Amino acid sequence: MDRTVLVTGAASGMGQSVARRFAAGGWQVLAVDRDAAALAEGAREVGESFIPLAADVTDRAGLQQGLIGALGTASLRAVVNAAGVYPPTRLDDFTEELYRRIFDVNVLGTLNVTAVTTPLLAAAGGGAVVNFASVDAFAVSPGQLLYSASKAAVVSLTKSLAIELAPDNITVNAVAPGWVDTPGNAATGRMADVAQNIPLRRVARPEEIADWVWALVHGGYVTGESLVIAGGSVMR
């Protein structure tokens, strides 16, 4: 198959929806996540186009080694950095350990994956990188001190990488979702109330986020942008 996309965080939530969207669109998907069991289940459900790779995005050397073995002779054309963590933090309760966890996954993980994959994209003649930011990068929420900061960093990295990788015909963009109907958000019990404050009066479906990722991968003249997908709750 001549079109392969690497998707991190592919075992659940929005990452899983992105992986399945590309598989349905005829792409081979290299699905990366720490949860090997959930990846195996995804492979059973999606089929042979879904290649599981159990790896930790914070481990650059391990990620590179696993990527070489899993990719084989396939041509990598797109990368989606969807892995992320969002534990609540405030100034009076954050710890250094929690700080490092959030920034290691959300920021360093994005950098690690991009660093090990862009040589492959360049070798294939170019491609696309799509990062996952958040509306919290633009309109912060109470209790998301470090998460908001990490996603603001992703927005900035997206711009810098767009400039750096443009000579290799690689576009770099980000999606910045608001509230999305994922298991993690559903567990908060807040989605019904939150929806009342969104102009469109609902939260997003994961598949809607995946459709925008698909569009950014296929749009060759957009780079350095962060697309807010929040039903009108955040406008720029």
C-alpha atoms as a PDB file:
ATOM      1  CA  MET A   1       0.000   0.000   0.000  1.00  0.00           C
ATOM      2  CA  ASP A   2       1.517   3.337  -1.059  1.00  0.00           C
ATOM      3  CA  ARG A   3      -0.207   5.520   1.555  1.00  0.00           C
ATOM      4  CA  THR A   4       0.654   4.937   5.185  1.00  0.00           C
ATOM      5  CA  VAL A   5      -0.228   7.196   8.096  1.00  0.00           C
ATOM      6  CA  LEU A   6       1.167   6.962  11.612  1.00  0.00           C
ATOM      7  CA  VAL A   7      -1.348   7.841  14.324  1.00  0.00           C
ATOM      8  CA  THR A   8      -0.406   8.100  17.991  1.00  0.00           C
ATOM      9  CA  GLY A   9      -2.970   7.653  20.746  1.00  0.00           C
ATOM     10  CA  ALA A  10      -4.709   5.281  18.344  1.00  0.00           C
ATOM     11  CA  ALA A  11      -6.150   2.914  20.951  1.00  0.00           C
ATOM     12  CA  SER A  12      -8.948   5.188  22.141  1.00  0.00           C
ATOM     13  CA  GLY A  13     -10.751   8.498  21.802  1.00  0.00           C
ATOM     14  CA  MET A  14      -9.977  10.871  18.970  1.00  0.00           C
ATOM     15  CA  GLY A  15      -6.802   9.037  17.992  1.00  0.00           C
ATOM     16  CA  GLN A  16      -8.794   5.872  17.471  1.00  0.00           C
ATOM     17  CA  SER A  17     -11.344   7.731  15.343  1.00  0.00           C
ATOM     18  CA  VAL A  18      -8.561   9.211  13.217  1.00  0.00           C
ATOM     19  CA  ALA A  19      -6.988   5.790  12.715  1.00  0.00           C
ATOM     20  CA  ARG A  20     -10.300   4.283  11.628  1.00  0.00           C
ATOM     21  CA  ARG A  21     -11.084   7.216   9.341  1.00  0.00           C
ATOM     22  CA  PHE A  22      -7.856   6.699   7.426  1.00  0.00           C
ATOM     23  CA  ALA A  23      -8.300   2.927   7.292  1.00  0.00           C
ATOM     24  CA  ALA A  24     -11.790   3.446   5.862  1.00  0.00           C
ATOM     25  CA  GLY A  25     -10.276   5.838   3.312  1.00  0.00           C
ATOM     26  CA  GLY A  26      -7.922   3.197   1.965  1.00  0.00           C
ATOM     27  CA  TRP A  27      -4.789   4.078   3.912  1.00  0.00           C
ATOM     28  CA  GLN A  28      -2.565   1.711   5.810  1.00  0.00           C
ATOM     29  CA  VAL A  29      -2.499   2.839   9.449  1.00  0.00           C
ATOM     30  CA  LEU A  30       0.460   2.420  11.763  1.00  0.00           C
ATOM     31  CA  ALA A  31      -1.386   2.680  15.070  1.00  0.00           C
ATOM     32  CA  VAL A  32       0.792   3.715  18.015  1.00  0.00           C
ATOM     33  CA  ASP A  33      -0.240   3.545  21.656  1.00  0.00           C
ATOM     34  CA  ARG A  34       1.008   2.248  24.998  1.00  0.00           C
ATOM     35  CA  ASP A  35      -2.097   0.037  25.341  1.00  0.00           C
ATOM     36  CA  ALA A  36      -1.128  -3.106  23.421  1.00  0.00           C
ATOM     37  CA  ALA A  37      -4.371  -4.928  24.242  1.00  0.00           C
ATOM     38  CA  ALA A  38      -6.552  -2.117  22.897  1.00  0.00           C
ATOM     39  CA  LEU A  39      -4.415  -1.914  19.763  1.00  0.00           C
ATOM     40  CA  ALA A  40      -4.827  -5.651  19.210  1.00  0.00           C
ATOM     41  CA  GLU A  41      -8.587  -5.248  19.505  1.00  0.00           C
ATOM     42  CA  GLY A  42      -8.470  -2.438  16.959  1.00  0.00           C
ATOM     43  CA  ALA A  43      -6.529  -4.637  14.562  1.00  0.00           C
ATOM     44  CA  ARG A  44      -9.149  -7.377  14.900  1.00  0.00           C
ATOM     45  CA  GLU A  45     -11.974  -4.945  14.213  1.00  0.00           C
ATOM     46  CA  VAL A  46     -10.413  -2.922  11.393  1.00  0.00           C
ATOM     47  CA  GLY A  47      -8.420  -5.610   9.612  1.00  0.00           C
ATOM     48  CA  GLU A  48      -5.014  -5.889   8.009  1.00  0.00           C
ATOM     49  CA  SER A  49      -4.758  -2.172   7.190  1.00  0.00           C
ATOM     50  CA  PHE A  50      -4.449  -1.463  10.944  1.00  0.00           C
ATOM     51  CA  ILE A  51      -0.901  -2.240  12.082  1.00  0.00           C
ATOM     52  CA  PRO A  52      -0.491  -2.037  15.875  1.00  0.00           C
ATOM     53  CA  LEU A  53       2.720  -0.680  17.370  1.00  0.00           C
ATOM     54  CA  ALA A  54       2.851  -0.651  21.163  1.00  0.00           C
ATOM     55  CA  ALA A  55       5.238   2.191  21.973  1.00  0.00           C
ATOM     56  CA  ASP A  56       5.696   5.136  24.311  1.00  0.00           C
ATOM     57  CA  VAL A  57       5.958   8.506  22.565  1.00  0.00           C
ATOM     58  CA  THR A  58       8.246   9.770  25.331  1.00  0.00           C
ATOM     59  CA  ASP A  59      10.854   7.125  24.416  1.00  0.00           C
ATOM     60  CA  ARG A  60      12.399   8.393  21.184  1.00  0.00           C
ATOM     61  CA  ALA A  61      14.884   5.535  20.721  1.00  0.00           C
ATOM     62  CA  GLY A  62      12.285   2.844  21.383  1.00  0.00           C
ATOM     63  CA  LEU A  63       9.813   4.555  19.093  1.00  0.00           C
ATOM     64  CA  GLN A  64      12.332   4.729  16.257  1.00  0.00           C
ATOM     65  CA  GLN A  65      13.259   1.075  16.627  1.00  0.00           C
ATOM     66  CA  GLY A  66       9.632  -0.026  16.649  1.00  0.00           C
ATOM     67  CA  LEU A  67       8.788   2.179  13.682  1.00  0.00           C
ATOM     68  CA  ILE A  68      11.492   0.662  11.501  1.00  0.00           C
ATOM     69  CA  GLY A  69      10.260  -2.837  12.216  1.00  0.00           C
ATOM     70  CA  ALA A  70       6.562  -2.082  11.791  1.00  0.00           C
ATOM     71  CA  LEU A  71       6.794   0.093   8.681  1.00  0.00           C
ATOM     72  CA  GLY A  72       8.877  -2.279   6.585  1.00  0.00           C
ATOM     73  CA  THR A  73       8.984  -1.107   2.984  1.00  0.00           C
ATOM     74  CA  ALA A  74       5.795   0.968   3.211  1.00  0.00           C
ATOM     75  CA  SER A  75       5.891   4.646   2.277  1.00  0.00           C
ATOM     76  CA  LEU A  76       4.979   6.960   5.149  1.00  0.00           C
ATOM     77  CA  ARG A  77       2.978   9.954   3.907  1.00  0.00           C
ATOM     78  CA  ALA A  78       1.318  11.395   7.015  1.00  0.00           C
ATOM     79  CA  VAL A  79       1.732  11.619  10.781  1.00  0.00           C
ATOM     80  CA  VAL A  80      -0.963  12.444  13.335  1.00  0.00           C
ATOM     81  CA  ASN A  81       0.164  13.284  16.865  1.00  0.00           C
ATOM     82  CA  ALA A  82      -3.011  12.546  18.816  1.00  0.00           C
ATOM     83  CA  ALA A  83      -1.515  11.082  22.015  1.00  0.00           C
ATOM     84  CA  GLY A  84      -2.119  13.305  25.003  1.00  0.00           C
ATOM     85  CA  VAL A  85      -2.919  13.456  28.704  1.00  0.00           C
ATOM     86  CA  TYR A  86      -5.003  16.035  30.553  1.00  0.00           C
ATOM     87  CA  PRO A  87      -5.018  15.565  34.330  1.00  0.00           C
ATOM     88  CA  PRO A  88      -6.390  18.641  36.120  1.00  0.00           C
ATOM     89  CA  THR A  89      -3.825  20.947  37.713  1.00  0.00           C
ATOM     90  CA  ARG A  90      -3.872  24.209  39.620  1.00  0.00           C
ATOM     91  CA  LEU A  91      -1.110  26.371  41.032  1.00  0.00           C
ATOM     92  CA  ASP A  92      -1.751  25.147  44.567  1.00  0.00           C
ATOM     93  CA  ASP A  93      -1.684  21.421  43.791  1.00  0.00           C
ATOM     94  CA  PHE A  94       0.613  20.742  40.831  1.00  0.00           C
ATOM     95  CA  THR A  95       3.727  18.634  41.325  1.00  0.00           C
ATOM     96  CA  GLU A  96       6.942  18.397  39.372  1.00  0.00           C
ATOM     97  CA  GLU A  97       6.068  14.793  38.550  1.00  0.00           C
ATOM     98  CA  LEU A  98       2.721  15.825  37.078  1.00  0.00           C
ATOM     99  CA  TYR A  99       4.344  18.695  35.187  1.00  0.00           C
ATOM    100  CA  ARG A 100       6.818  16.310  33.591  1.00  0.00           C
ATOM    101  CA  ARG A 101       4.136  13.775  32.735  1.00  0.00           C
ATOM    102  CA  ILE A 102       1.968  16.339  30.937  1.00  0.00           C
ATOM    103  CA  PHE A 103       4.797  18.018  29.059  1.00  0.00           C
ATOM    104  CA  ASP A 104       6.608  14.754  28.303  1.00  0.00           C
ATOM    105  CA  VAL A 105       3.551  13.277  26.571  1.00  0.00           C
ATOM    106  CA  ASN A 106       1.947  16.366  25.057  1.00  0.00           C
ATOM    107  CA  VAL A 107       5.041  18.303  23.985  1.00  0.00           C
ATOM    108  CA  LEU A 108       8.093  16.036  24.012  1.00  0.00           C
ATOM    109  CA  GLY A 109       6.005  13.186  22.595  1.00  0.00           C
ATOM    110  CA  THR A 110       4.919  15.358  19.675  1.00  0.00           C
ATOM    111  CA  LEU A 111       8.522  16.358  19.038  1.00  0.00           C
ATOM    112  CA  ASN A 112       9.821  12.782  19.311  1.00  0.00           C
ATOM    113  CA  VAL A 113       7.316  11.385  16.845  1.00  0.00           C
ATOM    114  CA  THR A 114       7.871  14.238  14.406  1.00  0.00           C
ATOM    115  CA  ALA A 115      11.646  13.885  14.645  1.00  0.00           C
ATOM    116  CA  VAL A 116      11.689  10.166  13.861  1.00  0.00           C
ATOM    117  CA  THR A 117       9.098  10.340  11.072  1.00  0.00           C
ATOM    118  CA  THR A 118       9.919  13.453   9.058  1.00  0.00           C
ATOM    119  CA  PRO A 119      13.005  11.898   7.412  1.00  0.00           C
ATOM    120  CA  LEU A 120      10.669   9.188   6.122  1.00  0.00           C
ATOM    121  CA  LEU A 121       8.146  11.747   4.891  1.00  0.00           C
ATOM    122  CA  ALA A 122      10.910  13.671   3.132  1.00  0.00           C
ATOM    123  CA  ALA A 123      12.221  10.485   1.526  1.00  0.00           C
ATOM    124  CA  ALA A 124       8.731   9.839   0.147  1.00  0.00           C
ATOM    125  CA  GLY A 125       8.645  13.271  -1.485  1.00  0.00           C
ATOM    126  CA  GLY A 126       6.781  15.073   1.274  1.00  0.00           C
ATOM    127  CA  GLY A 127       3.669  14.632   3.344  1.00  0.00           C
ATOM    128  CA  ALA A 128       1.723  16.034   6.253  1.00  0.00           C
ATOM    129  CA  VAL A 129       1.963  16.266  10.017  1.00  0.00           C
ATOM    130  CA  VAL A 130      -1.143  17.044  12.063  1.00  0.00           C
ATOM    131  CA  ASN A 131      -0.744  17.775  15.763  1.00  0.00           C
ATOM    132  CA  PHE A 132      -3.439  17.782  18.414  1.00  0.00           C
ATOM    133  CA  ALA A 133      -3.653  21.077  20.269  1.00  0.00           C
ATOM    134  CA  SER A 134      -6.783  22.208  22.138  1.00  0.00           C
ATOM    135  CA  VAL A 135      -9.068  25.197  22.540  1.00  0.00           C
ATOM    136  CA  ASP A 136      -7.406  25.496  25.952  1.00  0.00           C
ATOM    137  CA  ALA A 137      -4.362  26.809  24.107  1.00  0.00           C
ATOM    138  CA  PHE A 138      -6.419  29.907  23.252  1.00  0.00           C
ATOM    139  CA  ALA A 139      -9.070  30.196  25.986  1.00  0.00           C
ATOM    140  CA  VAL A 140      -7.874  28.648  29.218  1.00  0.00           C
ATOM    141  CA  SER A 141     -10.137  26.693  31.567  1.00  0.00           C
ATOM    142  CA  PRO A 142     -10.036  26.572  35.370  1.00  0.00           C
ATOM    143  CA  GLY A 143      -8.095  23.578  36.633  1.00  0.00           C
ATOM    144  CA  GLN A 144      -6.123  23.100  33.420  1.00  0.00           C
ATOM    145  CA  LEU A 145      -3.011  25.088  34.302  1.00  0.00           C
ATOM    146  CA  LEU A 146      -0.409  22.737  32.833  1.00  0.00           C
ATOM    147  CA  TYR A 147      -2.568  21.158  30.124  1.00  0.00           C
ATOM    148  CA  SER A 148      -3.325  24.596  28.664  1.00  0.00           C
ATOM    149  CA  ALA A 149       0.352  25.514  28.720  1.00  0.00           C
ATOM    150  CA  SER A 150       1.331  22.259  27.030  1.00  0.00           C
ATOM    151  CA  LYS A 151      -1.189  22.756  24.243  1.00  0.00           C
ATOM    152  CA  ALA A 152      -0.080  26.355  23.723  1.00  0.00           C
ATOM    153  CA  ALA A 153       3.391  24.905  23.249  1.00  0.00           C
ATOM    154  CA  VAL A 154       2.008  22.532  20.604  1.00  0.00           C
ATOM    155  CA  VAL A 155       0.516  25.491  18.717  1.00  0.00           C
ATOM    156  CA  SER A 156       3.884  27.248  18.744  1.00  0.00           C
ATOM    157  CA  LEU A 157       5.742  24.098  17.712  1.00  0.00           C
ATOM    158  CA  THR A 158       3.322  23.659  14.831  1.00  0.00           C
ATOM    159  CA  LYS A 159       4.253  27.082  13.444  1.00  0.00           C
ATOM    160  CA  SER A 160       7.985  26.564  13.891  1.00  0.00           C
ATOM    161  CA  LEU A 161       7.930  23.094  12.349  1.00  0.00           C
ATOM    162  CA  ALA A 162       5.871  24.349   9.409  1.00  0.00           C
ATOM    163  CA  ILE A 163       8.689  26.745   8.527  1.00  0.00           C
ATOM    164  CA  GLU A 164      11.437  24.218   9.186  1.00  0.00           C
ATOM    165  CA  LEU A 165       9.894  21.393   7.163  1.00  0.00           C
ATOM    166  CA  ALA A 166       8.462  23.371   4.238  1.00  0.00           C
ATOM    167  CA  PRO A 167      11.594  22.852   2.084  1.00  0.00           C
ATOM    168  CA  ASP A 168      10.933  19.103   2.284  1.00  0.00           C
ATOM    169  CA  ASN A 169       7.344  19.582   1.059  1.00  0.00           C
ATOM    170  CA  ILE A 170       5.967  18.655   4.478  1.00  0.00           C
ATOM    171  CA  THR A 171       2.984  20.595   5.833  1.00  0.00           C
ATOM    172  CA  VAL A 172       2.483  20.908   9.581  1.00  0.00           C
ATOM    173  CA  ASN A 173      -0.873  21.894  11.048  1.00  0.00           C
ATOM    174  CA  ALA A 174      -2.855  21.326  14.217  1.00  0.00           C
ATOM    175  CA  VAL A 175      -6.434  20.747  15.233  1.00  0.00           C
ATOM    176  CA  ALA A 176      -7.650  22.388  18.431  1.00  0.00           C
ATOM    177  CA  PRO A 177     -10.812  20.600  19.550  1.00  0.00           C
ATOM    178  CA  GLY A 178     -13.163  21.781  22.244  1.00  0.00           C
ATOM    179  CA  TRP A 179     -15.386  19.327  24.065  1.00  0.00           C
ATOM    180  CA  VAL A 180     -15.614  15.993  22.241  1.00  0.00           C
ATOM    181  CA  ASP A 181     -17.761  12.964  23.063  1.00  0.00           C
ATOM    182  CA  THR A 182     -14.959  10.626  24.122  1.00  0.00           C
ATOM    183  CA  PRO A 183     -14.988   8.124  27.010  1.00  0.00           C
ATOM    184  CA  GLY A 184     -12.630  10.350  28.985  1.00  0.00           C
ATOM    185  CA  ASN A 185     -14.847  13.411  28.660  1.00  0.00           C
ATOM    186  CA  ALA A 186     -18.016  11.400  29.255  1.00  0.00           C
ATOM    187  CA  ALA A 187     -16.558  10.205  32.557  1.00  0.00           C
ATOM    188  CA  THR A 188     -16.576  13.791  33.853  1.00  0.00           C
ATOM    189  CA  GLY A 189     -20.377  13.841  33.789  1.00  0.00           C
ATOM    190  CA  ARG A 190     -20.251  17.429  32.533  1.00  0.00           C
ATOM    191  CA  MET A 191     -20.977  17.136  28.822  1.00  0.00           C
ATOM    192  CA  ALA A 192     -24.718  17.828  28.966  1.00  0.00           C
ATOM    193  CA  ASP A 193     -24.157  21.017  30.957  1.00  0.00           C
ATOM    194  CA  VAL A 194     -21.197  22.096  28.836  1.00  0.00           C
ATOM    195  CA  ALA A 195     -23.220  21.683  25.641  1.00  0.00           C
ATOM    196  CA  GLN A 196     -25.652  24.371  26.788  1.00  0.00           C
ATOM    197  CA  ASN A 197     -22.855  26.943  26.625  1.00  0.00           C
ATOM    198  CA  ILE A 198     -21.769  25.984  23.104  1.00  0.00           C
ATOM    199  CA  PRO A 199     -23.477  27.986  20.322  1.00  0.00           C
ATOM    200  CA  LEU A 200     -24.235  24.798  18.380  1.00  0.00           C
ATOM    201  CA  ARG A 201     -25.672  23.271  21.582  1.00  0.00           C
ATOM    202  CA  ARG A 202     -23.718  20.037  21.411  1.00  0.00           C
ATOM    203  CA  VAL A 203     -20.237  18.635  21.810  1.00  0.00           C
ATOM    204  CA  ALA A 204     -18.318  17.293  18.828  1.00  0.00           C
ATOM    205  CA  ARG A 205     -18.303  13.688  17.720  1.00  0.00           C
ATOM    206  CA  PRO A 206     -14.834  12.113  17.470  1.00  0.00           C
ATOM    207  CA  GLU A 207     -15.547  11.348  13.828  1.00  0.00           C
ATOM    208  CA  GLU A 208     -15.944  15.060  13.109  1.00  0.00           C
ATOM    209  CA  ILE A 209     -12.463  15.753  14.447  1.00  0.00           C
ATOM    210  CA  ALA A 210     -11.127  12.875  12.347  1.00  0.00           C
ATOM    211  CA  ASP A 211     -12.708  14.369   9.228  1.00  0.00           C
ATOM    212  CA  TRP A 212     -10.827  17.642   9.770  1.00  0.00           C
ATOM    213  CA  VAL A 213      -7.565  15.772  10.299  1.00  0.00           C
ATOM    214  CA  TRP A 214      -8.235  13.983   7.012  1.00  0.00           C
ATOM    215  CA  ALA A 215      -8.814  17.341   5.306  1.00  0.00           C
ATOM    216  CA  LEU A 216      -5.573  18.832   6.644  1.00  0.00           C
ATOM    217  CA  VAL A 217      -3.567  15.821   5.502  1.00  0.00           C
ATOM    218  CA  HIS A 218      -4.995  16.199   2.003  1.00  0.00           C
ATOM    219  CA  GLY A 219      -4.666  19.995   1.827  1.00  0.00           C
ATOM    220  CA  GLY A 220      -1.239  20.702   0.380  1.00  0.00           C
ATOM    221  CA  TYR A 221      -1.250  24.512   0.591  1.00  0.00           C
ATOM    222  CA  VAL A 222      -2.153  25.011   4.244  1.00  0.00           C
ATOM    223  CA  THR A 223       0.657  24.916   6.797  1.00  0.00           C
ATOM    224  CA  GLY A 224       1.393  26.377  10.222  1.00  0.00           C
ATOM    225  CA  GLU A 225      -2.285  26.695  11.118  1.00  0.00           C
ATOM    226  CA  SER A 226      -4.204  25.548  14.204  1.00  0.00           C
ATOM    227  CA  LEU A 227      -7.844  24.855  13.384  1.00  0.00           C
ATOM    228  CA  VAL A 228     -10.269  25.419  16.254  1.00  0.00           C
ATOM    229  CA  ILE A 229     -13.114  22.881  16.205  1.00  0.00           C
ATOM    230  CA  ALA A 230     -15.359  23.908  19.062  1.00  0.00           C
ATOM    231  CA  GLY A 231     -18.893  24.542  17.831  1.00  0.00           C
ATOM    232  CA  GLY A 232     -18.444  28.298  18.159  1.00  0.00           C
ATOM    233  CA  SER A 233     -17.432  28.264  21.831  1.00  0.00           C
ATOM    234  CA  VAL A 234     -14.037  29.696  20.891  1.00  0.00           C
ATOM    235  CA  MET A 235     -13.664  31.950  17.864  1.00  0.00           C
ATOM    236  CA  ARG A 236     -10.460  33.493  16.506  1.00  0.00           C
END
